[in-house]
Structure formats: C-alpha cells, structure tokens
Amino acid sequence: MTSAERPHAPARPKAAWIPAGVEHVDATTVVRTERVTPGMCGPNSLFAARLGDWTWDAVTAATGTDVYDARGEDGSPVYLSFSYFRIHGSRVLHPLSLGFGDRIRVVSGVFGEGSESVLTLHRVRRDDGSAPRPLDPVAFHTEPDPGDLRVENFNRWIARGREGSNKGLVRAAPVGFSHHHLPVVPREFSPRLAYAHARDNGTFLDGPPEGHDAVVTGFTVDYPVEASRDLNGVGLLYFASYFAMLDWALLRLWAHLGRGEREFRDRAVLDQRICYLGNADADTTIRITLILWRNTADPSEERIEAVLHDLGRDTALAVAELKVAGGKPGR
C-alpha cells in the first residue's frame, strides 16, 4: 500500500482566495513560514488557535472552498468544525517552548475523509532555511522526529440546527466542496479510530496506562462559559476555548498538588488530544473531571485524562488526554 492513496480524479480546483503567505508544495500540500508573535504563544490556548486557522487556510487552498465563507444550498453558513485535535511534541519542541521571534515552518497536508469531513496534518519545525520535506502520512506517524511538532486536525462540516442555538448542531456540506482529488490516509492512521474510542468509552485509554500510578482521581471543577471569553465570531463555543478550559482546570489541579503557577508555566506539553463531542451556549456550566497518572520510571512525566460535561444537559462535550513533563513530582 502506498503511504497515501491518491484516487484518480480531477485536479485540485482553483481557490477563489488563497491565504497570504501560503505556498503550494503540491496540489494538496501547502507550506508557510511564520514568525512567532505575542498573539500565538504562551502557557495558554493561543498556539492551538493559530493551528486551527492554518487548518482552515490549508483546506481552502487544497479544495477551492473558502472555508471562512462556506454556505449551504439554502445560503446559510456552514462551518468547518473541529472533531479531533492532537498536538504531539517532544522535550525538544512543544507548544510552550515557542517564544517571541522564533521562526517556524509549517507544512500542511489535506486528506480526504468523505463529503462531510476532512483531515489536515501539520508538521511544524523551527525554520532552518532548508527546503520543505514532503508530508508522508505514514512516516508522520511511524518515524517521528523530535524536532517536529506533529498536529492532526479531523474536521466536520456543520450547521446550526436551530437559529441562535449552539445545541443540536447538524452535519452539512457547503456548496461546491471538492474532495475526490484528496489523497486518503491508510485506515490504521485515520483519527476516526481514536475519536470513536473516546466517544464510546469516555477515554482514549484502553485501561490504566502501563507503568503509571494513579495519583489523583475524580478531581472536578466547574467552569462557567462566558460570552466575553469563550465564544467565537459566530457565537459558537470556540474550539480553542476547550484547550483554555483544560488549562484552567489543570492549573487548579496543580494547586491541589501543592504546585505553583511557575511550575505550571514551565511544564512541557508532550502530547495533547481532544475529542469534541458537542458545543454549548454562553450560559452553560461545564464540569471538568480529571485523573492524573504518574510515570513510575520517570516521575516528572504525567498523563492526565479529562472529561468535559455539560451539567445542564447531562451530556459530554469533550474527552481529552495530555502528557506533560516537568513540575513538582510529588506533593
């Protein structure tokens, strides 16, 4: 099997608008060079937010559909929502290791997942002036480079089922969305597998992680969703707000363990993934439940599981997992 199956289909349609700074490597792969600004780094959700923008840019460039102004058959807005988001780094390069002025190169490949979904893979690394390497989806998973930050975004097209409400969102596809020319990753590397497992089991894990001891179980905090902080420009609960909510809960778990805010800021986020299960309105209270596992061989490494639950509707909104290093190993 080839690393990515490319169906025989028409070439990439011409986009009506190509994002500034985006260059094509091939029909479905783009590259950009960025300088890290204050608005895209820090111990917060800013870098995740920028990654999401780059996903929308890449899909726009690869499919010819202007993701920022997509419309359904009736002319109503259609949004490319995030269903699965993973940021996989290392101690060499992780989101919190990026600072003001750093230059990074982002190679983004767009892959087919049907008429209502799309997969984007990003490879982020410090810019050394070399030519961008092709993005092979198999090597992306099986040959990790510690100098790479690997990002998976599985997105679905959605629309509001009820005007003015973030509840009951429905699947939808915009007019003219072209996907048949997109390559398809081998099934074993599709994020649908991890997404389905987290959705059905409330966790990404098959059981207690081997070589880890449970340090904290059932730690809960309640987060009030606020319009001034958590919604995006169309009134939906912003995908990056889920990252912010997790950090908000994690900071309180750190305090529970007797750790200071400096230890929170100094942590290395080696891996983080979120399975998005729903959206919420601004008057929602979200209960976040955390479990922390510590690596017995290296107590500086910990894994955190989280579930975000809409208390009003008694339904799960997201399942998340993090792997972090650094900070105080014990109370």
Protein backbone atom coordinates (compact mmCIF):
# COMPACT_ATOMS: atom_id res chain seq x y z
CA MET A 1 0.00 0.00 0.00
CA THR A 2 1.29 3.47 -0.77
CA SER A 3 1.69 5.93 2.07
CA ALA A 4 -1.36 7.84 0.91
CA GLU A 5 -3.78 6.51 -1.65
CA ARG A 6 -4.46 9.14 -4.32
CA PRO A 7 -7.67 8.43 -6.22
CA HIS A 8 -7.86 9.08 -9.96
CA ALA A 9 -9.93 12.26 -10.02
CA PRO A 10 -9.86 15.82 -11.31
CA ALA A 11 -7.02 18.05 -10.15
CA ARG A 12 -7.42 20.46 -7.27
CA PRO A 13 -9.96 23.15 -8.11
CA LYS A 14 -8.70 26.71 -8.16
CA ALA A 15 -9.45 28.51 -4.94
CA ALA A 16 -11.25 31.82 -5.18
CA TRP A 17 -8.95 33.12 -2.44
CA ILE A 18 -5.53 31.88 -1.32
CA PRO A 19 -4.45 32.88 2.20
CA ALA A 20 -1.45 35.23 2.28
CA GLY A 21 1.88 33.52 2.84
CA VAL A 22 0.63 30.07 1.82
CA GLU A 23 2.51 28.32 -1.00
CA HIS A 24 1.66 25.04 -2.66
CA VAL A 25 4.13 22.15 -2.39
CA ASP A 26 1.75 20.04 -4.47
CA ALA A 27 -1.98 20.02 -5.18
CA THR A 28 -2.97 19.14 -1.60
CA THR A 29 0.06 20.24 0.45
CA VAL A 30 0.96 23.79 1.42
CA VAL A 31 3.83 25.41 3.29
CA ARG A 32 4.16 28.65 5.21
CA THR A 33 6.89 30.32 7.25
CA GLU A 34 5.81 32.19 10.35
CA ARG A 35 7.43 34.34 13.00
CA VAL A 36 6.06 33.65 16.47
CA THR A 37 4.23 36.71 17.77
CA PRO A 38 2.81 37.51 21.23
CA GLY A 39 -0.62 36.54 19.90
CA MET A 40 0.36 32.94 19.22
CA CYS A 41 2.42 31.67 22.16
CA GLY A 42 2.48 31.27 25.93
CA PRO A 43 1.02 28.90 28.58
CA ASN A 44 -2.43 29.23 27.06
CA SER A 45 -4.53 28.27 24.03
CA LEU A 46 -3.12 30.86 21.60
CA PHE A 47 -0.93 28.47 19.61
CA ALA A 48 -3.75 25.93 19.28
CA ALA A 49 -5.96 28.74 17.97
CA ARG A 50 -3.37 29.63 15.33
CA LEU A 51 -3.05 25.98 14.30
CA GLY A 52 -6.79 25.93 13.71
CA ASP A 53 -6.51 28.98 11.46
CA TRP A 54 -3.77 27.23 9.49
CA THR A 55 -6.05 24.23 9.05
CA TRP A 56 -8.76 26.43 7.58
CA ASP A 57 -6.17 28.05 5.31
CA ALA A 58 -4.84 24.67 4.14
CA VAL A 59 -8.32 23.28 3.40
CA THR A 60 -9.18 26.45 1.50
CA ALA A 61 -6.02 26.17 -0.60
CA ALA A 62 -6.38 22.41 -1.24
CA THR A 63 -10.09 22.21 -2.05
CA GLY A 64 -11.01 25.56 -3.57
CA THR A 65 -13.74 26.09 -0.96
CA ASP A 66 -13.42 29.32 1.00
CA VAL A 67 -13.76 27.83 4.47
CA TYR A 68 -14.21 31.28 6.00
CA ASP A 69 -17.37 31.95 3.98
CA ALA A 70 -18.82 28.49 3.23
CA ARG A 71 -22.55 28.27 2.53
CA GLY A 72 -25.13 25.52 2.25
CA GLU A 73 -27.69 25.04 -0.52
CA ASP A 74 -30.07 27.47 1.17
CA GLY A 75 -27.37 30.11 1.59
CA SER A 76 -26.99 29.63 5.35
CA PRO A 77 -23.48 29.46 6.88
CA VAL A 78 -21.67 26.12 7.10
CA TYR A 79 -18.71 25.78 9.46
CA LEU A 80 -15.66 23.51 9.37
CA SER A 81 -15.79 22.34 12.99
CA PHE A 82 -13.09 20.50 14.90
CA SER A 83 -13.89 16.92 15.89
CA TYR A 84 -10.40 15.71 16.84
CA PHE A 85 -7.35 17.82 17.58
CA ARG A 86 -3.94 16.39 18.51
CA ILE A 87 -0.65 18.20 19.13
CA HIS A 88 2.24 15.77 19.54
CA GLY A 89 5.61 17.24 20.52
CA SER A 90 8.75 16.32 22.43
CA ARG A 91 11.06 17.81 25.02
CA VAL A 92 12.95 19.32 22.07
CA LEU A 93 9.91 21.10 20.60
CA HIS A 94 6.50 21.52 22.19
CA PRO A 95 3.94 24.36 22.16
CA LEU A 96 5.25 26.02 25.32
CA SER A 97 8.83 26.04 24.01
CA LEU A 98 7.95 28.59 21.32
CA GLY A 99 8.66 32.22 22.12
CA PHE A 100 8.63 35.72 20.68
CA GLY A 101 10.50 35.98 17.39
CA ASP A 102 11.02 32.28 16.73
CA ARG A 103 10.76 31.39 13.06
CA ILE A 104 8.88 28.21 12.23
CA ARG A 105 7.99 26.39 9.03
CA VAL A 106 4.61 24.69 8.76
CA VAL A 107 3.96 22.01 6.13
CA SER A 108 0.26 21.11 5.91
CA GLY A 109 -1.26 18.19 4.01
CA VAL A 110 -5.00 17.84 3.41
CA PHE A 111 -6.56 14.37 3.11
CA GLY A 112 -9.98 13.09 2.16
CA GLU A 113 -12.44 11.79 4.75
CA GLY A 114 -15.63 11.86 2.67
CA SER A 115 -18.03 14.56 1.56
CA GLU A 116 -18.63 16.00 5.04
CA SER A 117 -15.19 15.63 6.67
CA VAL A 118 -11.53 16.38 6.03
CA LEU A 119 -8.21 15.57 7.71
CA THR A 120 -5.30 18.00 7.90
CA LEU A 121 -1.82 17.07 9.11
CA HIS A 122 0.67 19.78 10.06
CA ARG A 123 4.39 19.34 10.58
CA VAL A 124 5.80 22.32 12.47
CA ARG A 125 9.54 22.77 12.98
CA ARG A 126 12.00 25.58 13.53
CA ASP A 127 12.88 27.19 10.23
CA ASP A 128 16.48 26.39 9.26
CA GLY A 129 16.20 27.65 5.70
CA SER A 130 16.13 24.19 4.14
CA ALA A 131 13.59 23.14 1.53
CA PRO A 132 10.33 21.77 2.97
CA ARG A 133 10.14 17.99 3.11
CA PRO A 134 7.06 16.27 1.66
CA LEU A 135 4.45 15.25 4.22
CA ASP A 136 4.11 11.45 4.13
CA PRO A 137 1.17 10.41 6.37
CA VAL A 138 2.72 7.04 7.24
CA ALA A 139 6.12 8.48 8.16
CA PHE A 140 4.25 11.21 10.05
CA HIS A 141 3.05 8.52 12.47
CA THR A 142 5.82 5.90 12.34
CA GLU A 143 9.00 7.98 12.02
CA PRO A 144 8.65 10.89 14.46
CA ASP A 145 11.42 13.47 14.55
CA PRO A 146 11.95 15.13 17.97
CA GLY A 147 12.42 18.40 16.11
CA ASP A 148 8.90 18.20 14.70
CA LEU A 149 5.63 19.26 16.25
CA ARG A 150 3.02 16.98 14.66
CA VAL A 151 -0.59 18.12 14.54
CA GLU A 152 -3.70 16.20 13.48
CA ASN A 153 -6.97 18.01 12.78
CA PHE A 154 -10.05 15.98 11.87
CA ASN A 155 -12.84 18.36 10.89
CA ARG A 156 -16.51 18.01 10.02
CA TRP A 157 -18.78 20.43 8.21
CA ILE A 158 -21.67 21.50 10.44
CA ALA A 159 -24.55 23.97 10.52
CA ARG A 160 -26.89 25.17 13.22
CA GLY A 161 -30.00 23.04 13.61
CA ARG A 162 -31.79 25.87 15.39
CA GLU A 163 -31.19 29.56 14.77
CA GLY A 164 -29.41 31.24 17.67
CA SER A 165 -28.57 28.00 19.50
CA ASN A 166 -25.33 26.03 19.78
CA LYS A 167 -27.23 22.89 20.72
CA GLY A 168 -28.33 20.38 18.14
CA LEU A 169 -25.70 21.20 15.51
CA VAL A 170 -26.17 19.12 12.36
CA ARG A 171 -23.83 17.79 9.69
CA ALA A 172 -23.78 19.73 6.46
CA ALA A 173 -21.55 20.23 3.44
CA PRO A 174 -21.02 23.53 1.64
CA VAL A 175 -21.94 24.04 -1.97
CA GLY A 176 -19.07 23.10 -4.26
CA PHE A 177 -16.91 21.33 -1.67
CA SER A 178 -14.50 19.25 -3.76
CA HIS A 179 -12.86 16.29 -2.03
CA HIS A 180 -12.47 13.49 -4.60
CA HIS A 181 -8.97 14.65 -5.56
CA LEU A 182 -7.70 14.48 -1.96
CA PRO A 183 -5.41 11.58 -1.01
CA VAL A 184 -6.65 9.15 1.65
CA VAL A 185 -4.52 8.01 4.59
CA PRO A 186 -4.35 4.27 5.41
CA ARG A 187 -7.21 3.30 7.70
CA GLU A 188 -4.96 2.49 10.67
CA PHE A 189 -3.85 6.12 10.74
CA SER A 190 -7.31 7.66 10.47
CA PRO A 191 -8.27 9.75 13.53
CA ARG A 192 -11.75 8.26 13.27
CA LEU A 193 -10.49 5.28 15.30
CA ALA A 194 -9.27 7.35 18.26
CA TYR A 195 -12.32 9.59 18.02
CA ALA A 196 -14.76 6.67 18.13
CA HIS A 197 -12.96 5.06 21.07
CA ALA A 198 -13.02 8.28 23.11
CA ARG A 199 -16.65 8.98 22.22
CA ASP A 200 -17.82 5.47 23.13
CA ASN A 201 -15.69 4.97 26.26
CA GLY A 202 -15.18 8.43 27.70
CA THR A 203 -11.41 7.96 27.46
CA PHE A 204 -8.69 7.48 24.88
CA LEU A 205 -7.17 4.72 27.00
CA ASP A 206 -7.96 1.00 26.98
CA GLY A 207 -7.31 0.82 30.74
CA PRO A 208 -4.85 2.09 33.34
CA PRO A 209 -1.69 3.12 31.43
CA GLU A 210 1.10 0.62 31.90
CA GLY A 211 3.91 1.82 34.15
CA HIS A 212 1.81 4.58 35.73
CA ASP A 213 0.28 5.01 39.17
CA ALA A 214 -2.97 6.91 39.74
CA VAL A 215 -2.16 9.99 41.85
CA VAL A 216 -5.45 11.90 41.62
CA THR A 217 -8.83 10.50 40.60
CA GLY A 218 -12.15 12.27 40.31
CA PHE A 219 -10.83 15.82 40.70
CA THR A 220 -13.63 18.12 39.50
CA VAL A 221 -14.02 21.83 38.83
CA ASP A 222 -16.97 23.71 37.33
CA TYR A 223 -16.32 26.19 34.54
CA PRO A 224 -18.91 28.87 33.59
CA VAL A 225 -18.96 29.58 29.87
CA GLU A 226 -18.94 33.33 29.23
CA ALA A 227 -19.72 35.18 26.01
CA SER A 228 -16.90 37.68 26.55
CA ARG A 229 -14.27 34.95 26.75
CA ASP A 230 -15.27 31.65 25.21
CA LEU A 231 -17.32 32.22 22.05
CA ASN A 232 -16.02 32.80 18.55
CA GLY A 233 -17.14 35.37 15.99
CA VAL A 234 -20.28 33.43 15.02
CA GLY A 235 -21.33 32.72 18.60
CA LEU A 236 -20.18 29.10 18.82
CA LEU A 237 -18.10 27.83 21.72
CA TYR A 238 -14.64 28.31 20.20
CA PHE A 239 -12.61 25.14 19.60
CA ALA A 240 -9.56 26.73 21.27
CA SER A 241 -11.66 27.52 24.35
CA TYR A 242 -11.66 23.79 25.10
CA PHE A 243 -7.86 23.98 25.36
CA ALA A 244 -8.22 27.04 27.61
CA MET A 245 -10.77 25.27 29.83
CA LEU A 246 -8.45 22.30 30.21
CA ASP A 247 -5.56 24.58 31.16
CA TRP A 248 -7.84 26.39 33.63
CA ALA A 249 -8.73 23.06 35.26
CA LEU A 250 -5.14 21.84 35.14
CA LEU A 251 -3.89 24.94 36.95
CA ARG A 252 -6.33 24.18 39.76
CA LEU A 253 -5.16 20.58 39.85
CA TRP A 254 -1.59 21.88 40.09
CA ALA A 255 -2.61 23.99 43.11
CA HIS A 256 -4.34 20.94 44.63
CA LEU A 257 -1.00 19.13 44.36
CA GLY A 258 0.83 22.00 46.06
CA ARG A 259 2.46 23.29 42.89
CA GLY A 260 2.92 26.93 41.99
CA GLU A 261 1.99 28.83 38.86
CA ARG A 262 5.66 28.88 37.77
CA GLU A 263 5.67 25.09 37.65
CA PHE A 264 2.52 25.25 35.57
CA ARG A 265 4.17 27.64 33.11
CA ASP A 266 7.38 25.59 32.99
CA ARG A 267 5.70 22.31 32.09
CA ALA A 268 6.35 20.67 28.72
CA VAL A 269 3.18 19.52 26.96
CA LEU A 270 4.48 16.47 25.10
CA ASP A 271 1.13 15.29 23.75
CA GLN A 272 -2.41 16.61 23.89
CA ARG A 273 -5.55 15.48 22.13
CA ILE A 274 -9.20 16.41 22.33
CA CYS A 275 -12.26 14.58 21.03
CA TYR A 276 -15.01 17.17 20.53
CA LEU A 277 -18.49 15.78 21.17
CA GLY A 278 -20.67 18.88 21.37
CA ASN A 279 -20.97 22.63 21.66
CA ALA A 280 -22.56 24.84 24.30
CA ASP A 281 -24.22 28.21 24.80
CA ALA A 282 -22.84 31.06 26.89
CA ASP A 283 -24.99 30.26 29.92
CA THR A 284 -23.60 26.73 30.28
CA THR A 285 -21.72 25.35 33.27
CA ILE A 286 -19.16 22.74 32.30
CA ARG A 287 -17.91 20.23 34.86
CA ILE A 288 -14.35 19.12 34.16
CA THR A 289 -13.25 15.84 35.74
CA LEU A 290 -9.54 14.98 35.82
CA ILE A 291 -7.49 11.86 36.52
CA LEU A 292 -3.72 12.15 36.88
CA TRP A 293 -1.34 9.23 36.29
CA ARG A 294 2.39 9.40 37.14
CA ASN A 295 5.11 7.53 35.29
CA THR A 296 6.77 5.22 37.82
CA ALA A 297 10.05 5.12 35.87
CA ASP A 298 10.17 8.91 35.38
CA PRO A 299 8.07 10.75 37.99
CA SER A 300 8.50 14.02 36.07
CA GLU A 301 6.20 12.64 33.37
CA GLU A 302 2.46 12.53 33.97
CA ARG A 303 -0.66 11.74 31.96
CA ILE A 304 -3.94 13.49 32.57
CA GLU A 305 -7.35 12.33 31.42
CA ALA A 306 -10.24 14.78 31.29
CA VAL A 307 -13.95 14.76 30.51
CA LEU A 308 -15.90 17.98 29.93
CA HIS A 309 -19.57 17.61 30.84
CA ASP A 310 -22.48 19.98 30.21
CA LEU A 311 -24.27 19.97 33.57
CA GLY A 312 -27.50 21.44 32.24
CA ARG A 313 -27.97 18.83 29.52
CA ASP A 314 -26.15 16.00 31.31
CA THR A 315 -24.06 15.26 28.24
CA ALA A 316 -20.36 15.00 27.47
CA LEU A 317 -18.88 17.84 25.42
CA ALA A 318 -15.32 16.57 25.06
CA VAL A 319 -12.81 13.92 26.08
CA ALA A 320 -9.15 14.87 26.41
CA GLU A 321 -5.76 13.43 27.28
CA LEU A 322 -2.46 15.16 28.00
CA LYS A 323 1.10 14.00 28.56
CA VAL A 324 3.21 16.54 30.41
CA ALA A 325 6.73 16.70 31.81
CA GLY A 326 8.27 18.96 34.40
CA GLY A 327 6.91 20.48 37.56
CA LYS A 328 7.00 19.05 41.03
CA PRO A 329 6.80 15.23 41.02
CA GLY A 330 5.03 14.96 44.36
CA ARG A 331 3.05 16.87 46.95
